[in-house]
PDB file of N, CA and C in Angstrom:
ATOM      1  N   UNK A   1       4.473 -29.468 -28.009  1.00  0.00           N
ATOM      2  CA  UNK A   1       3.087 -29.761 -27.699  1.00  0.00           C
ATOM      3  C   UNK A   1       2.219 -28.671 -28.307  1.00  0.00           C
ATOM      4  N   UNK A   2       1.183 -29.040 -29.027  1.00  0.00           N
ATOM      5  CA  UNK A   2       0.265 -28.069 -29.600  1.00  0.00           C
ATOM      6  C   UNK A   2      -0.554 -27.413 -28.515  1.00  0.00           C
ATOM      7  N   UNK A   3      -0.658 -26.103 -28.585  1.00  0.00           N
ATOM      8  CA  UNK A   3      -1.404 -25.360 -27.575  1.00  0.00           C
ATOM      9  C   UNK A   3      -2.449 -24.508 -28.256  1.00  0.00           C
ATOM     10  N   UNK A   4      -3.625 -24.474 -27.664  1.00  0.00           N
ATOM     11  CA  UNK A   4      -4.713 -23.657 -28.165  1.00  0.00           C
ATOM     12  C   UNK A   4      -4.896 -22.469 -27.227  1.00  0.00           C
ATOM     13  N   UNK A   5      -4.549 -21.283 -27.710  1.00  0.00           N
ATOM     14  CA  UNK A   5      -4.685 -20.084 -26.891  1.00  0.00           C
ATOM     15  C   UNK A   5      -6.010 -19.412 -27.212  1.00  0.00           C
ATOM     16  N   UNK A   6      -6.862 -19.281 -26.209  1.00  0.00           N
ATOM     17  CA  UNK A   6      -8.148 -18.631 -26.368  1.00  0.00           C
ATOM     18  C   UNK A   6      -8.024 -17.159 -26.010  1.00  0.00           C
ATOM     19  N   UNK A   7      -9.063 -16.385 -26.259  1.00  0.00           N
ATOM     20  CA  UNK A   7      -9.057 -14.976 -25.871  1.00  0.00           C
ATOM     21  C   UNK A   7      -8.826 -14.828 -24.372  1.00  0.00           C
ATOM     22  N   UNK A   8      -9.440 -15.712 -23.581  1.00  0.00           N
ATOM     23  CA  UNK A   8      -9.259 -15.660 -22.130  1.00  0.00           C
ATOM     24  C   UNK A   8      -7.808 -15.935 -21.749  1.00  0.00           C
ATOM     25  N   UNK A   9      -7.172 -16.898 -22.383  1.00  0.00           N
ATOM     26  CA  UNK A   9      -5.784 -17.205 -22.039  1.00  0.00           C
ATOM     27  C   UNK A   9      -4.852 -16.083 -22.476  1.00  0.00           C
ATOM     28  N   UNK A  10      -5.187 -15.404 -23.566  1.00  0.00           N
ATOM     29  CA  UNK A  10      -4.373 -14.265 -23.980  1.00  0.00           C
ATOM     30  C   UNK A  10      -4.462 -13.163 -22.938  1.00  0.00           C
ATOM     31  N   UNK A  11      -5.667 -12.903 -22.394  1.00  0.00           N
ATOM     32  CA  UNK A  11      -5.828 -11.905 -21.336  1.00  0.00           C
ATOM     33  C   UNK A  11      -5.060 -12.307 -20.088  1.00  0.00           C
ATOM     34  N   UNK A  12      -5.103 -13.610 -19.757  1.00  0.00           N
ATOM     35  CA  UNK A  12      -4.402 -14.089 -18.570  1.00  0.00           C
ATOM     36  C   UNK A  12      -2.901 -13.873 -18.691  1.00  0.00           C
ATOM     37  N   UNK A  13      -2.376 -13.911 -19.893  1.00  0.00           N
ATOM     38  CA  UNK A  13      -0.950 -13.680 -20.088  1.00  0.00           C
ATOM     39  C   UNK A  13      -0.644 -12.197 -20.294  1.00  0.00           C
ATOM     40  N   UNK A  14      -1.500 -11.497 -21.030  1.00  0.00           N
ATOM     41  CA  UNK A  14      -1.222 -10.105 -21.385  1.00  0.00           C
ATOM     42  C   UNK A  14      -1.228  -9.180 -20.174  1.00  0.00           C
ATOM     43  N   UNK A  15      -2.146  -9.372 -19.247  1.00  0.00           N
ATOM     44  CA  UNK A  15      -2.207  -8.492 -18.091  1.00  0.00           C
ATOM     45  C   UNK A  15      -0.938  -8.564 -17.250  1.00  0.00           C
ATOM     46  N   UNK A  16      -0.476  -9.755 -16.867  1.00  0.00           N
ATOM     47  CA  UNK A  16       0.813  -9.804 -16.144  1.00  0.00           C
ATOM     48  C   UNK A  16       1.979  -9.297 -16.988  1.00  0.00           C
ATOM     49  N   UNK A  17       1.955  -9.542 -18.286  1.00  0.00           N
ATOM     50  CA  UNK A  17       3.039  -9.053 -19.148  1.00  0.00           C
ATOM     51  C   UNK A  17       3.085  -7.526 -19.135  1.00  0.00           C
ATOM     52  N   UNK A  18       1.921  -6.886 -19.170  1.00  0.00           N
ATOM     53  CA  UNK A  18       1.873  -5.426 -19.070  1.00  0.00           C
ATOM     54  C   UNK A  18       2.404  -4.961 -17.725  1.00  0.00           C
ATOM     55  N   UNK A  19       2.033  -5.635 -16.628  1.00  0.00           N
ATOM     56  CA  UNK A  19       2.527  -5.243 -15.294  1.00  0.00           C
ATOM     57  C   UNK A  19       4.041  -5.406 -15.227  1.00  0.00           C
ATOM     58  N   UNK A  20       4.584  -6.441 -15.843  1.00  0.00           N
ATOM     59  CA  UNK A  20       6.029  -6.678 -15.791  1.00  0.00           C
ATOM     60  C   UNK A  20       6.759  -5.587 -16.570  1.00  0.00           C
ATOM     61  N   UNK A  21       6.277  -5.274 -17.738  1.00  0.00           N
ATOM     62  CA  UNK A  21       6.947  -4.304 -18.609  1.00  0.00           C
ATOM     63  C   UNK A  21       6.797  -2.863 -18.119  1.00  0.00           C
ATOM     64  N   UNK A  22       5.597  -2.483 -17.688  1.00  0.00           N
ATOM     65  CA  UNK A  22       5.326  -1.088 -17.376  1.00  0.00           C
ATOM     66  C   UNK A  22       5.035  -0.815 -15.902  1.00  0.00           C
ATOM     67  N   UNK A  23       4.725  -1.868 -15.127  1.00  0.00           N
ATOM     68  CA  UNK A  23       4.258  -1.652 -13.765  1.00  0.00           C
ATOM     69  C   UNK A  23       2.831  -1.135 -13.811  1.00  0.00           C
ATOM     70  N   UNK A  24       2.258  -0.898 -12.652  1.00  0.00           N
ATOM     71  CA  UNK A  24       0.928  -0.318 -12.627  1.00  0.00           C
ATOM     72  C   UNK A  24      -0.096  -1.218 -11.979  1.00  0.00           C
ATOM     73  N   UNK A  25      -1.345  -0.832 -12.168  1.00  0.00           N
ATOM     74  CA  UNK A  25      -2.468  -1.488 -11.499  1.00  0.00           C
ATOM     75  C   UNK A  25      -3.410  -2.075 -12.536  1.00  0.00           C
ATOM     76  N   UNK A  26      -3.878  -3.291 -12.267  1.00  0.00           N
ATOM     77  CA  UNK A  26      -4.924  -3.914 -13.086  1.00  0.00           C
ATOM     78  C   UNK A  26      -6.111  -4.200 -12.172  1.00  0.00           C
ATOM     79  N   UNK A  27      -7.300  -3.833 -12.621  1.00  0.00           N
ATOM     80  CA  UNK A  27      -8.537  -4.134 -11.903  1.00  0.00           C
ATOM     81  C   UNK A  27      -9.549  -4.704 -12.891  1.00  0.00           C
ATOM     82  N   UNK A  28     -10.196  -5.814 -12.532  1.00  0.00           N
ATOM     83  CA  UNK A  28     -11.345  -6.277 -13.307  1.00  0.00           C
ATOM     84  C   UNK A  28     -12.425  -5.212 -13.218  1.00  0.00           C
ATOM     85  N   UNK A  29     -13.334  -5.175 -14.182  1.00  0.00           N
ATOM     86  CA  UNK A  29     -14.353  -4.120 -14.207  1.00  0.00           C
ATOM     87  C   UNK A  29     -15.392  -4.267 -13.094  1.00  0.00           C
ATOM     88  N   UNK A  30     -15.457  -5.397 -12.418  1.00  0.00           N
ATOM     89  CA  UNK A  30     -16.432  -5.572 -11.343  1.00  0.00           C
ATOM     90  C   UNK A  30     -15.837  -5.383  -9.947  1.00  0.00           C
ATOM     91  N   UNK A  31     -14.653  -4.807  -9.846  1.00  0.00           N
ATOM     92  CA  UNK A  31     -13.981  -4.583  -8.567  1.00  0.00           C
ATOM     93  C   UNK A  31     -14.429  -3.247  -7.982  1.00  0.00           C
ATOM     94  N   UNK A  32     -14.753  -3.243  -6.708  1.00  0.00           N
ATOM     95  CA  UNK A  32     -15.093  -2.020  -5.985  1.00  0.00           C
ATOM     96  C   UNK A  32     -13.899  -1.663  -5.114  1.00  0.00           C
ATOM     97  N   UNK A  33     -13.350  -0.498  -5.314  1.00  0.00           N
ATOM     98  CA  UNK A  33     -12.149  -0.054  -4.595  1.00  0.00           C
ATOM     99  C   UNK A  33     -12.568   0.722  -3.350  1.00  0.00           C
ATOM    100  N   UNK A  34     -12.069   0.280  -2.177  1.00  0.00           N
ATOM    101  CA  UNK A  34     -12.405   0.914  -0.903  1.00  0.00           C
ATOM    102  C   UNK A  34     -11.216   1.625  -0.259  1.00  0.00           C
ATOM    103  N   UNK A  35     -10.023   1.411  -0.792  1.00  0.00           N
ATOM    104  CA  UNK A  35      -8.825   2.060  -0.271  1.00  0.00           C
ATOM    105  C   UNK A  35      -8.162   2.815  -1.412  1.00  0.00           C
ATOM    106  N   UNK A  36      -7.384   3.853  -1.095  1.00  0.00           N
ATOM    107  CA  UNK A  36      -6.659   4.552  -2.168  1.00  0.00           C
ATOM    108  C   UNK A  36      -5.740   3.581  -2.922  1.00  0.00           C
ATOM    109  N   UNK A  37      -5.754   3.663  -4.236  1.00  0.00           N
ATOM    110  CA  UNK A  37      -4.932   2.761  -5.040  1.00  0.00           C
ATOM    111  C   UNK A  37      -3.443   2.975  -4.796  1.00  0.00           C
ATOM    112  N   UNK A  38      -3.067   4.145  -4.324  1.00  0.00           N
ATOM    113  CA  UNK A  38      -1.653   4.421  -4.055  1.00  0.00           C
ATOM    114  C   UNK A  38      -1.098   3.546  -2.927  1.00  0.00           C
ATOM    115  N   UNK A  39      -1.975   2.927  -2.127  1.00  0.00           N
ATOM    116  CA  UNK A  39      -1.529   2.049  -1.039  1.00  0.00           C
ATOM    117  C   UNK A  39      -1.046   0.694  -1.552  1.00  0.00           C
ATOM    118  N   UNK A  40      -1.337   0.369  -2.802  1.00  0.00           N
ATOM    119  CA  UNK A  40      -1.027  -0.954  -3.337  1.00  0.00           C
ATOM    120  C   UNK A  40       0.268  -0.934  -4.141  1.00  0.00           C
ATOM    121  N   UNK A  41       1.190  -1.799  -3.766  1.00  0.00           N
ATOM    122  CA  UNK A  41       2.445  -1.969  -4.488  1.00  0.00           C
ATOM    123  C   UNK A  41       2.861  -3.424  -4.329  1.00  0.00           C
ATOM    124  N   UNK A  42       3.196  -4.061  -5.431  1.00  0.00           N
ATOM    125  CA  UNK A  42       3.536  -5.483  -5.409  1.00  0.00           C
ATOM    126  C   UNK A  42       2.468  -6.259  -4.650  1.00  0.00           C
ATOM    127  N   UNK A  43       1.230  -6.090  -5.091  1.00  0.00           N
ATOM    128  CA  UNK A  43       0.080  -6.685  -4.407  1.00  0.00           C
ATOM    129  C   UNK A  43      -0.805  -7.419  -5.396  1.00  0.00           C
ATOM    130  N   UNK A  44      -1.480  -8.421  -4.871  1.00  0.00           N
ATOM    131  CA  UNK A  44      -2.451  -9.177  -5.663  1.00  0.00           C
ATOM    132  C   UNK A  44      -3.635  -9.475  -4.748  1.00  0.00           C
ATOM    133  N   UNK A  45      -4.839  -9.560  -5.326  1.00  0.00           N
ATOM    134  CA  UNK A  45      -6.035  -9.768  -4.524  1.00  0.00           C
ATOM    135  C   UNK A  45      -6.174 -11.190  -4.015  1.00  0.00           C
ATOM    136  N   UNK A  46      -7.056 -11.344  -3.027  1.00  0.00           N
ATOM    137  CA  UNK A  46      -7.386 -12.647  -2.455  1.00  0.00           C
ATOM    138  C   UNK A  46      -8.791 -13.042  -2.876  1.00  0.00           C
ATOM    139  N   UNK A  47      -9.029 -14.335  -2.991  1.00  0.00           N
ATOM    140  CA  UNK A  47     -10.387 -14.835  -3.206  1.00  0.00           C
ATOM    141  C   UNK A  47     -11.201 -14.544  -1.955  1.00  0.00           C
ATOM    142  N   UNK A  48     -12.394 -13.994  -2.113  1.00  0.00           N
ATOM    143  CA  UNK A  48     -13.217 -13.639  -0.963  1.00  0.00           C
ATOM    144  C   UNK A  48     -13.620 -14.861  -0.143  1.00  0.00           C
ATOM    145  N   UNK A  49     -14.044 -15.921  -0.798  1.00  0.00           N
ATOM    146  CA  UNK A  49     -14.537 -17.100  -0.087  1.00  0.00           C
ATOM    147  C   UNK A  49     -13.446 -18.113   0.220  1.00  0.00           C
ATOM    148  N   UNK A  50     -12.275 -17.894  -0.313  1.00  0.00           N
ATOM    149  CA  UNK A  50     -11.175 -18.828  -0.123  1.00  0.00           C
ATOM    150  C   UNK A  50      -9.877 -18.026   0.017  1.00  0.00           C
ATOM    151  N   UNK A  51      -9.652 -17.381   1.174  1.00  0.00           N
ATOM    152  CA  UNK A  51      -8.545 -16.434   1.314  1.00  0.00           C
ATOM    153  C   UNK A  51      -7.139 -17.015   1.199  1.00  0.00           C
ATOM    154  N   UNK A  52      -7.018 -18.324   1.120  1.00  0.00           N
ATOM    155  CA  UNK A  52      -5.693 -18.899   0.890  1.00  0.00           C
ATOM    156  C   UNK A  52      -5.339 -18.916  -0.596  1.00  0.00           C
ATOM    157  N   UNK A  53      -6.286 -18.505  -1.437  1.00  0.00           N
ATOM    158  CA  UNK A  53      -6.075 -18.478  -2.893  1.00  0.00           C
ATOM    159  C   UNK A  53      -6.035 -17.044  -3.389  1.00  0.00           C
ATOM    160  N   UNK A  54      -5.115 -16.772  -4.289  1.00  0.00           N
ATOM    161  CA  UNK A  54      -5.008 -15.441  -4.877  1.00  0.00           C
ATOM    162  C   UNK A  54      -5.957 -15.313  -6.063  1.00  0.00           C
ATOM    163  N   UNK A  55      -6.219 -14.061  -6.440  1.00  0.00           N
ATOM    164  CA  UNK A  55      -7.143 -13.774  -7.522  1.00  0.00           C
ATOM    165  C   UNK A  55      -6.562 -12.649  -8.367  1.00  0.00           C
ATOM    166  N   UNK A  56      -6.491 -12.828  -9.649  1.00  0.00           N
ATOM    167  CA  UNK A  56      -5.909 -11.832 -10.547  1.00  0.00           C
ATOM    168  C   UNK A  56      -6.815 -10.665 -10.871  1.00  0.00           C
ATOM    169  N   UNK A  57      -7.960 -10.542 -10.190  1.00  0.00           N
ATOM    170  CA  UNK A  57      -8.869  -9.427 -10.449  1.00  0.00           C
ATOM    171  C   UNK A  57      -8.286  -8.098  -9.990  1.00  0.00           C
ATOM    172  N   UNK A  58      -7.354  -8.141  -9.051  1.00  0.00           N
ATOM    173  CA  UNK A  58      -6.674  -6.944  -8.553  1.00  0.00           C
ATOM    174  C   UNK A  58      -5.178  -7.243  -8.518  1.00  0.00           C
ATOM    175  N   UNK A  59      -4.411  -6.477  -9.268  1.00  0.00           N
ATOM    176  CA  UNK A  59      -2.958  -6.626  -9.250  1.00  0.00           C
ATOM    177  C   UNK A  59      -2.319  -5.247  -9.360  1.00  0.00           C
ATOM    178  N   UNK A  60      -1.332  -4.998  -8.527  1.00  0.00           N
ATOM    179  CA  UNK A  60      -0.568  -3.753  -8.568  1.00  0.00           C
ATOM    180  C   UNK A  60       0.900  -4.114  -8.368  1.00  0.00           C
ATOM    181  N   UNK A  61       1.718  -3.859  -9.375  1.00  0.00           N
ATOM    182  CA  UNK A  61       3.128  -4.244  -9.299  1.00  0.00           C
ATOM    183  C   UNK A  61       4.021  -3.169  -9.884  1.00  0.00           C
ATOM    184  N   UNK A  62       5.222  -3.076  -9.314  1.00  0.00           N
ATOM    185  CA  UNK A  62       6.241  -2.188  -9.869  1.00  0.00           C
ATOM    186  C   UNK A  62       6.765  -2.785 -11.176  1.00  0.00           C
ATOM    187  N   UNK A  63       7.322  -1.932 -11.969  1.00  0.00           N
ATOM    188  CA  UNK A  63       7.935  -2.331 -13.236  1.00  0.00           C
ATOM    189  C   UNK A  63       9.004  -3.403 -12.986  1.00  0.00           C
ATOM    190  N   UNK A  64       9.040  -4.420 -13.824  1.00  0.00           N
ATOM    191  CA  UNK A  64      10.016  -5.517 -13.762  1.00  0.00           C
ATOM    192  C   UNK A  64       9.951  -6.302 -12.459  1.00  0.00           C
ATOM    193  N   UNK A  65       8.756  -6.570 -11.995  1.00  0.00           N
ATOM    194  CA  UNK A  65       8.553  -7.331 -10.764  1.00  0.00           C
ATOM    195  C   UNK A  65       9.027  -8.780 -10.937  1.00  0.00           C
ATOM    196  N   UNK A  66       9.876  -9.274 -10.035  1.00  0.00           N
ATOM    197  CA  UNK A  66      10.295 -10.678 -10.107  1.00  0.00           C
ATOM    198  C   UNK A  66       9.107 -11.639  -9.969  1.00  0.00           C
ATOM    199  N   UNK A  67       8.100 -11.256  -9.183  1.00  0.00           N
ATOM    200  CA  UNK A  67       6.920 -12.105  -9.026  1.00  0.00           C
ATOM    201  C   UNK A  67       6.178 -12.252 -10.352  1.00  0.00           C
ATOM    202  N   UNK A  68       5.963 -11.151 -11.040  1.00  0.00           N
ATOM    203  CA  UNK A  68       5.248 -11.206 -12.319  1.00  0.00           C
ATOM    204  C   UNK A  68       6.072 -11.960 -13.362  1.00  0.00           C
ATOM    205  N   UNK A  69       7.368 -11.773 -13.368  1.00  0.00           N
ATOM    206  CA  UNK A  69       8.209 -12.527 -14.303  1.00  0.00           C
ATOM    207  C   UNK A  69       8.093 -14.024 -14.025  1.00  0.00           C
ATOM    208  N   UNK A  70       8.080 -14.410 -12.754  1.00  0.00           N
ATOM    209  CA  UNK A  70       7.900 -15.821 -12.398  1.00  0.00           C
ATOM    210  C   UNK A  70       6.530 -16.329 -12.838  1.00  0.00           C
ATOM    211  N   UNK A  71       5.505 -15.476 -12.728  1.00  0.00           N
ATOM    212  CA  UNK A  71       4.165 -15.861 -13.197  1.00  0.00           C
ATOM    213  C   UNK A  71       4.171 -16.114 -14.702  1.00  0.00           C
ATOM    214  N   UNK A  72       4.842 -15.257 -15.450  1.00  0.00           N
ATOM    215  CA  UNK A  72       4.884 -15.430 -16.902  1.00  0.00           C
ATOM    216  C   UNK A  72       5.633 -16.708 -17.278  1.00  0.00           C
ATOM    217  N   UNK A  73       6.726 -16.999 -16.602  1.00  0.00           N
ATOM    218  CA  UNK A  73       7.467 -18.232 -16.875  1.00  0.00           C
ATOM    219  C   UNK A  73       6.638 -19.462 -16.515  1.00  0.00           C
ATOM    220  N   UNK A  74       5.924 -19.401 -15.390  1.00  0.00           N
ATOM    221  CA  UNK A  74       5.047 -20.497 -14.976  1.00  0.00           C
ATOM    222  C   UNK A  74       3.922 -20.689 -15.990  1.00  0.00           C
ATOM    223  N   UNK A  75       3.327 -19.595 -16.461  1.00  0.00           N
ATOM    224  CA  UNK A  75       2.257 -19.662 -17.457  1.00  0.00           C
ATOM    225  C   UNK A  75       2.755 -20.376 -18.704  1.00  0.00           C
ATOM    226  N   UNK A  76       3.905 -19.964 -19.200  1.00  0.00           N
ATOM    227  CA  UNK A  76       4.448 -20.549 -20.427  1.00  0.00           C
ATOM    228  C   UNK A  76       4.784 -22.027 -20.253  1.00  0.00           C
ATOM    229  N   UNK A  77       5.355 -22.381 -19.120  1.00  0.00           N
ATOM    230  CA  UNK A  77       5.818 -23.766 -18.948  1.00  0.00           C
ATOM    231  C   UNK A  77       4.718 -24.735 -18.526  1.00  0.00           C
ATOM    232  N   UNK A  78       3.600 -24.236 -17.969  1.00  0.00           N
ATOM    233  CA  UNK A  78       2.565 -25.156 -17.475  1.00  0.00           C
ATOM    234  C   UNK A  78       1.195 -24.918 -18.100  1.00  0.00           C
ATOM    235  N   UNK A  79       1.103 -24.065 -19.116  1.00  0.00           N
ATOM    236  CA  UNK A  79      -0.192 -23.731 -19.718  1.00  0.00           C
ATOM    237  C   UNK A  79      -0.940 -24.990 -20.143  1.00  0.00           C
ATOM    238  N   UNK A  80      -2.219 -25.044 -19.789  1.00  0.00           N
ATOM    239  CA  UNK A  80      -3.091 -26.165 -20.155  1.00  0.00           C
ATOM    240  C   UNK A  80      -4.429 -25.573 -20.583  1.00  0.00           C
ATOM    241  N   UNK A  81      -4.748 -25.661 -21.874  1.00  0.00           N
ATOM    242  CA  UNK A  81      -5.966 -25.030 -22.385  1.00  0.00           C
ATOM    243  C   UNK A  81      -7.252 -25.702 -21.915  1.00  0.00           C
ATOM    244  N   UNK A  82      -7.146 -26.777 -21.156  1.00  0.00           N
ATOM    245  CA  UNK A  82      -8.344 -27.444 -20.632  1.00  0.00           C
ATOM    246  C   UNK A  82      -8.627 -27.052 -19.176  1.00  0.00           C
ATOM    247  N   UNK A  83      -7.756 -26.250 -18.571  1.00  0.00           N
ATOM    248  CA  UNK A  83      -7.892 -25.909 -17.144  1.00  0.00           C
ATOM    249  C   UNK A  83      -7.780 -24.405 -16.950  1.00  0.00           C
ATOM    250  N   UNK A  84      -8.936 -23.718 -16.941  1.00  0.00           N
ATOM    251  CA  UNK A  84      -8.965 -22.266 -16.878  1.00  0.00           C
ATOM    252  C   UNK A  84      -8.331 -21.727 -15.597  1.00  0.00           C
ATOM    253  N   UNK A  85      -8.749 -22.181 -14.423  1.00  0.00           N
ATOM    254  CA  UNK A  85      -8.199 -21.673 -13.160  1.00  0.00           C
ATOM    255  C   UNK A  85      -6.705 -21.973 -13.032  1.00  0.00           C
ATOM    256  N   UNK A  86      -6.273 -23.099 -13.559  1.00  0.00           N
ATOM    257  CA  UNK A  86      -4.859 -23.482 -13.506  1.00  0.00           C
ATOM    258  C   UNK A  86      -3.984 -22.397 -14.126  1.00  0.00           C
ATOM    259  N   UNK A  87      -4.479 -21.781 -15.189  1.00  0.00           N
ATOM    260  CA  UNK A  87      -3.721 -20.764 -15.921  1.00  0.00           C
ATOM    261  C   UNK A  87      -3.870 -19.368 -15.328  1.00  0.00           C
ATOM    262  N   UNK A  88      -4.782 -19.175 -14.378  1.00  0.00           N
ATOM    263  CA  UNK A  88      -5.064 -17.852 -13.834  1.00  0.00           C
ATOM    264  C   UNK A  88      -4.811 -17.772 -12.340  1.00  0.00           C
ATOM    265  N   UNK A  89      -5.901 -17.834 -11.565  1.00  0.00           N
ATOM    266  CA  UNK A  89      -5.789 -17.664 -10.109  1.00  0.00           C
ATOM    267  C   UNK A  89      -4.917 -18.743  -9.471  1.00  0.00           C
ATOM    268  N   UNK A  90      -5.036 -19.973  -9.916  1.00  0.00           N
ATOM    269  CA  UNK A  90      -4.202 -21.039  -9.346  1.00  0.00           C
ATOM    270  C   UNK A  90      -2.726 -20.795  -9.649  1.00  0.00           C
ATOM    271  N   UNK A  91      -2.435 -20.247 -10.809  1.00  0.00           N
ATOM    272  CA  UNK A  91      -1.056 -19.942 -11.168  1.00  0.00           C
ATOM    273  C   UNK A  91      -0.482 -18.900 -10.210  1.00  0.00           C
ATOM    274  N   UNK A  92      -1.247 -17.847  -9.930  1.00  0.00           N
ATOM    275  CA  UNK A  92      -0.789 -16.825  -8.988  1.00  0.00           C
ATOM    276  C   UNK A  92      -0.503 -17.426  -7.615  1.00  0.00           C
ATOM    277  N   UNK A  93      -1.389 -18.309  -7.175  1.00  0.00           N
ATOM    278  CA  UNK A  93      -1.224 -18.951  -5.867  1.00  0.00           C
ATOM    279  C   UNK A  93       0.018 -19.838  -5.848  1.00  0.00           C
ATOM    280  N   UNK A  94       0.246 -20.604  -6.931  1.00  0.00           N
ATOM    281  CA  UNK A  94       1.438 -21.468  -7.000  1.00  0.00           C
ATOM    282  C   UNK A  94       2.722 -20.641  -6.918  1.00  0.00           C
ATOM    283  N   UNK A  95       2.778 -19.601  -7.714  1.00  0.00           N
ATOM    284  CA  UNK A  95       3.991 -18.773  -7.746  1.00  0.00           C
ATOM    285  C   UNK A  95       4.197 -18.061  -6.412  1.00  0.00           C
ATOM    286  N   UNK A  96       3.137 -17.553  -5.809  1.00  0.00           N
ATOM    287  CA  UNK A  96       3.261 -16.870  -4.508  1.00  0.00           C
ATOM    288  C   UNK A  96       3.795 -17.819  -3.449  1.00  0.00           C
ATOM    289  N   UNK A  97       3.460 -19.106  -3.538  1.00  0.00           N
ATOM    290  CA  UNK A  97       3.982 -20.084  -2.592  1.00  0.00           C
ATOM    291  C   UNK A  97       5.504 -20.143  -2.612  1.00  0.00           C
ATOM    292  N   UNK A  98       6.089 -19.893  -3.777  1.00  0.00           N
ATOM    293  CA  UNK A  98       7.546 -19.873  -3.896  1.00  0.00           C
ATOM    294  C   UNK A  98       8.148 -18.600  -3.325  1.00  0.00           C
ATOM    295  N   UNK A  99       7.343 -17.543  -3.213  1.00  0.00           N
ATOM    296  CA  UNK A  99       7.818 -16.257  -2.724  1.00  0.00           C
ATOM    297  C   UNK A  99       7.516 -16.039  -1.250  1.00  0.00           C
ATOM    298  N   UNK A 100       6.774 -16.927  -0.627  1.00  0.00           N
ATOM    299  CA  UNK A 100       6.287 -16.684   0.735  1.00  0.00           C
ATOM    300  C   UNK A 100       7.397 -16.482   1.757  1.00  0.00           C
ATOM    301  N   UNK A 101       8.570 -17.014   1.517  1.00  0.00           N
ATOM    302  CA  UNK A 101       9.652 -16.853   2.483  1.00  0.00           C
ATOM    303  C   UNK A 101      10.517 -15.626   2.195  1.00  0.00           C
ATOM    304  N   UNK A 102      10.209 -14.890   1.109  1.00  0.00           N
ATOM    305  CA  UNK A 102      10.996 -13.708   0.762  1.00  0.00           C
ATOM    306  C   UNK A 102      10.272 -12.451   1.227  1.00  0.00           C
ATOM    307  N   UNK A 103      10.911 -11.600   2.025  1.00  0.00           N
ATOM    308  CA  UNK A 103      10.248 -10.391   2.508  1.00  0.00           C
ATOM    309  C   UNK A 103       9.924  -9.437   1.351  1.00  0.00           C
ATOM    310  N   UNK A 104       8.768  -8.793   1.426  1.00  0.00           N
ATOM    311  CA  UNK A 104       8.316  -7.799   0.462  1.00  0.00           C
ATOM    312  C   UNK A 104       8.243  -8.327  -0.971  1.00  0.00           C
ATOM    313  N   UNK A 105       8.123  -9.623  -1.140  1.00  0.00           N
ATOM    314  CA  UNK A 105       8.033 -10.172  -2.492  1.00  0.00           C
ATOM    315  C   UNK A 105       6.641  -9.951  -3.076  1.00  0.00           C
ATOM    316  N   UNK A 106       5.617 -10.269  -2.311  1.00  0.00           N
ATOM    317  CA  UNK A 106       4.242 -10.033  -2.766  1.00  0.00           C
ATOM    318  C   UNK A 106       3.381  -9.815  -1.543  1.00  0.00           C
ATOM    319  N   UNK A 107       2.487  -8.850  -1.614  1.00  0.00           N
ATOM    320  CA  UNK A 107       1.572  -8.547  -0.510  1.00  0.00           C
ATOM    321  C   UNK A 107       0.175  -8.954  -0.902  1.00  0.00           C
ATOM    322  N   UNK A 108      -0.582  -9.429   0.066  1.00  0.00           N
ATOM    323  CA  UNK A 108      -2.000  -9.678  -0.154  1.00  0.00           C
ATOM    324  C   UNK A 108      -2.751  -8.844   0.865  1.00  0.00           C
ATOM    325  N   UNK A 109      -3.726  -8.104   0.402  1.00  0.00           N
ATOM    326  CA  UNK A 109      -4.480  -7.231   1.287  1.00  0.00           C
ATOM    327  C   UNK A 109      -5.947  -7.501   1.122  1.00  0.00           C
ATOM    328  N   UNK A 110      -6.677  -7.471   2.225  1.00  0.00           N
ATOM    329  CA  UNK A 110      -8.127  -7.685   2.176  1.00  0.00           C
ATOM    330  C   UNK A 110      -8.832  -6.366   2.267  1.00  0.00           C
TER     331      UNK A 110
END
């Protein structure tokens, strides 16, 4: 299937790929941090107005995180260049649903 990768879709894939390979923290430039960043490990942000949905604006993961690897596999297998949220925040929410029964798999903090 022909796929059109835009700059936005490259960012959506590159940020999790960096977290998987190196670990670390990703923050969008409009995020205001109220807690020490050292408190975040294997964590992803929540949508403010829709707390059942995850948001990739804040991500902190250890190197070689199984959650991030699952996100990358989901991105590759379900990428749709006509659906922006599907490839980003919705993808995080879908993958987290598969991890919800595993302890310490992914944390969400408000």
